[in-house]
Amino acid sequence: SLLFIISLFVLIVGCESDNMEDLFPDSDCSTANISFSADVKPVIQVQCNHCHGALIELGGVVLENYADVKGWVDNGRFLGAIKHLPGFSPMPQVGTMLDDCTIAKIESWIEDGAPDN
């Protein structure tokens, strides 16, 4: 019974720092052919527009359409914010950071010139 308790403790402590992305990696995290309309805009609508939409412009940031997003992409603040880089206001401020796959897709779109596609 002592062995069982020690094993259970090791199992619990060993999994404590695991996150879902590490335990179940997204096998469909392709960063090829990322489009604004299919890949980036849906993330912004769900994750950003409740604070940065047309009706609520927290921090003076609006991400309602492609032109709005492109402006923040071009000045480097969009990627810095979602990656929580030093010197940038981390987004989202409330809740958890976007998962690595989502950030990789957005970064790929930006590296491809952030096309309006």
Protein backbone atom coordinates (compact mmCIF):
# COMPACT_ATOMS: atom_id res chain seq x y z
CA SER A 1 0.00 0.00 0.00
CA LEU A 2 2.95 2.35 0.62
CA LEU A 3 4.21 1.58 -2.88
CA PHE A 4 0.76 2.45 -4.27
CA ILE A 5 0.72 5.79 -2.43
CA ILE A 6 4.23 6.66 -3.64
CA SER A 7 3.31 5.68 -7.21
CA LEU A 8 0.15 7.78 -7.06
CA PHE A 9 2.12 10.75 -5.72
CA VAL A 10 4.73 10.45 -8.48
CA LEU A 11 1.98 10.23 -11.11
CA ILE A 12 0.17 13.31 -9.81
CA VAL A 13 3.33 15.40 -9.44
CA GLY A 14 4.66 14.23 -12.81
CA CYS A 15 1.52 15.37 -14.62
CA GLU A 16 1.13 18.60 -12.73
CA SER A 17 2.97 20.76 -15.25
CA ASP A 18 1.70 19.01 -18.37
CA ASN A 19 -0.69 20.92 -20.55
CA MET A 20 -3.15 19.57 -23.06
CA GLU A 21 -1.02 20.66 -26.00
CA ASP A 22 1.93 18.64 -24.72
CA LEU A 23 -0.18 15.61 -23.86
CA PHE A 24 -2.22 15.61 -27.07
CA PRO A 25 -0.30 17.49 -29.76
CA ASP A 26 -2.44 18.88 -32.56
CA SER A 27 -1.63 16.72 -35.53
CA ASP A 28 -3.22 19.32 -37.82
CA CYS A 29 -1.04 22.30 -36.99
CA SER A 30 0.04 22.99 -40.51
CA THR A 31 1.21 26.54 -41.06
CA ALA A 32 1.07 26.26 -44.85
CA ASN A 33 -1.47 28.28 -46.83
CA ILE A 34 -2.86 30.22 -43.87
CA SER A 35 -5.53 32.69 -44.87
CA PHE A 36 -6.94 35.70 -43.09
CA SER A 37 -10.58 34.76 -43.65
CA ALA A 38 -10.31 31.06 -42.79
CA ASP A 39 -7.63 31.01 -40.10
CA VAL A 40 -6.86 34.42 -38.59
CA LYS A 41 -10.20 36.24 -38.59
CA PRO A 42 -12.07 33.47 -36.69
CA VAL A 43 -9.46 33.59 -33.92
CA ILE A 44 -9.75 37.38 -33.69
CA GLN A 45 -13.54 37.20 -33.62
CA VAL A 46 -13.55 34.72 -30.73
CA GLN A 47 -10.48 35.85 -28.78
CA CYS A 48 -10.15 39.59 -29.44
CA ASN A 49 -13.34 41.29 -30.56
CA HIS A 50 -15.06 41.24 -27.17
CA CYS A 51 -12.50 43.88 -26.12
CA HIS A 52 -11.23 45.20 -29.48
CA GLY A 53 -14.36 45.34 -31.64
CA ALA A 54 -16.19 48.30 -33.14
CA LEU A 55 -18.32 48.84 -30.01
CA ILE A 56 -15.57 48.41 -27.45
CA GLU A 57 -12.17 49.86 -28.30
CA LEU A 58 -10.08 49.05 -25.26
CA GLY A 59 -6.71 50.76 -25.47
CA GLY A 60 -7.78 52.39 -28.73
CA VAL A 61 -7.28 49.07 -30.52
CA VAL A 62 -9.94 47.94 -32.98
CA LEU A 63 -9.57 44.59 -34.77
CA GLU A 64 -12.90 44.54 -36.57
CA ASN A 65 -11.72 43.94 -40.13
CA TYR A 66 -8.67 43.16 -42.24
CA ALA A 67 -7.53 46.80 -42.51
CA ASP A 68 -7.66 47.22 -38.72
CA VAL A 69 -5.67 44.03 -38.12
CA LYS A 70 -3.16 44.80 -40.87
CA GLY A 71 -2.34 48.15 -39.27
CA TRP A 72 -1.42 46.44 -35.98
CA VAL A 73 0.46 43.70 -37.84
CA ASP A 74 2.49 46.24 -39.81
CA ASN A 75 3.64 48.10 -36.70
CA GLY A 76 4.65 44.80 -35.05
CA ARG A 77 2.39 45.19 -32.06
CA PHE A 78 -0.06 42.41 -32.98
CA LEU A 79 2.46 39.56 -32.97
CA GLY A 80 4.34 40.95 -29.99
CA ALA A 81 1.11 41.11 -27.99
CA ILE A 82 -0.14 37.60 -28.78
CA LYS A 83 3.32 36.09 -28.17
CA HIS A 84 3.59 37.97 -24.84
CA LEU A 85 6.98 39.38 -25.82
CA PRO A 86 8.75 41.81 -23.48
CA GLY A 87 7.80 45.42 -24.15
CA PHE A 88 4.34 44.55 -25.47
CA SER A 89 0.99 44.50 -23.71
CA PRO A 90 0.23 40.75 -23.50
CA MET A 91 -2.99 39.70 -25.16
CA PRO A 92 -5.32 38.49 -24.07
CA GLN A 93 -4.85 40.29 -20.78
CA VAL A 94 -7.54 38.20 -19.13
CA GLY A 95 -7.43 34.47 -19.65
CA THR A 96 -4.78 32.27 -21.12
CA MET A 97 -2.38 32.95 -23.93
CA LEU A 98 -3.30 31.59 -27.35
CA ASP A 99 -2.01 28.07 -27.89
CA ASP A 100 1.28 27.55 -29.73
CA CYS A 101 -0.41 26.18 -32.86
CA THR A 102 -2.69 29.22 -33.23
CA ILE A 103 0.22 31.60 -32.73
CA ALA A 104 2.32 29.65 -35.26
CA LYS A 105 -0.47 29.92 -37.84
CA ILE A 106 -0.87 33.67 -37.30
CA GLU A 107 2.89 34.16 -37.41
CA SER A 108 3.08 32.19 -40.67
CA TRP A 109 0.34 34.38 -42.15
CA ILE A 110 2.27 37.49 -41.09
CA GLU A 111 5.55 36.14 -42.50
CA ASP A 112 3.75 35.53 -45.80
CA GLY A 113 2.98 39.25 -45.96
CA ALA A 114 -0.34 39.16 -44.08
CA PRO A 115 -2.40 38.87 -47.27
CA ASP A 116 -6.10 39.74 -47.41
CA ASN A 117 -7.13 36.26 -48.44
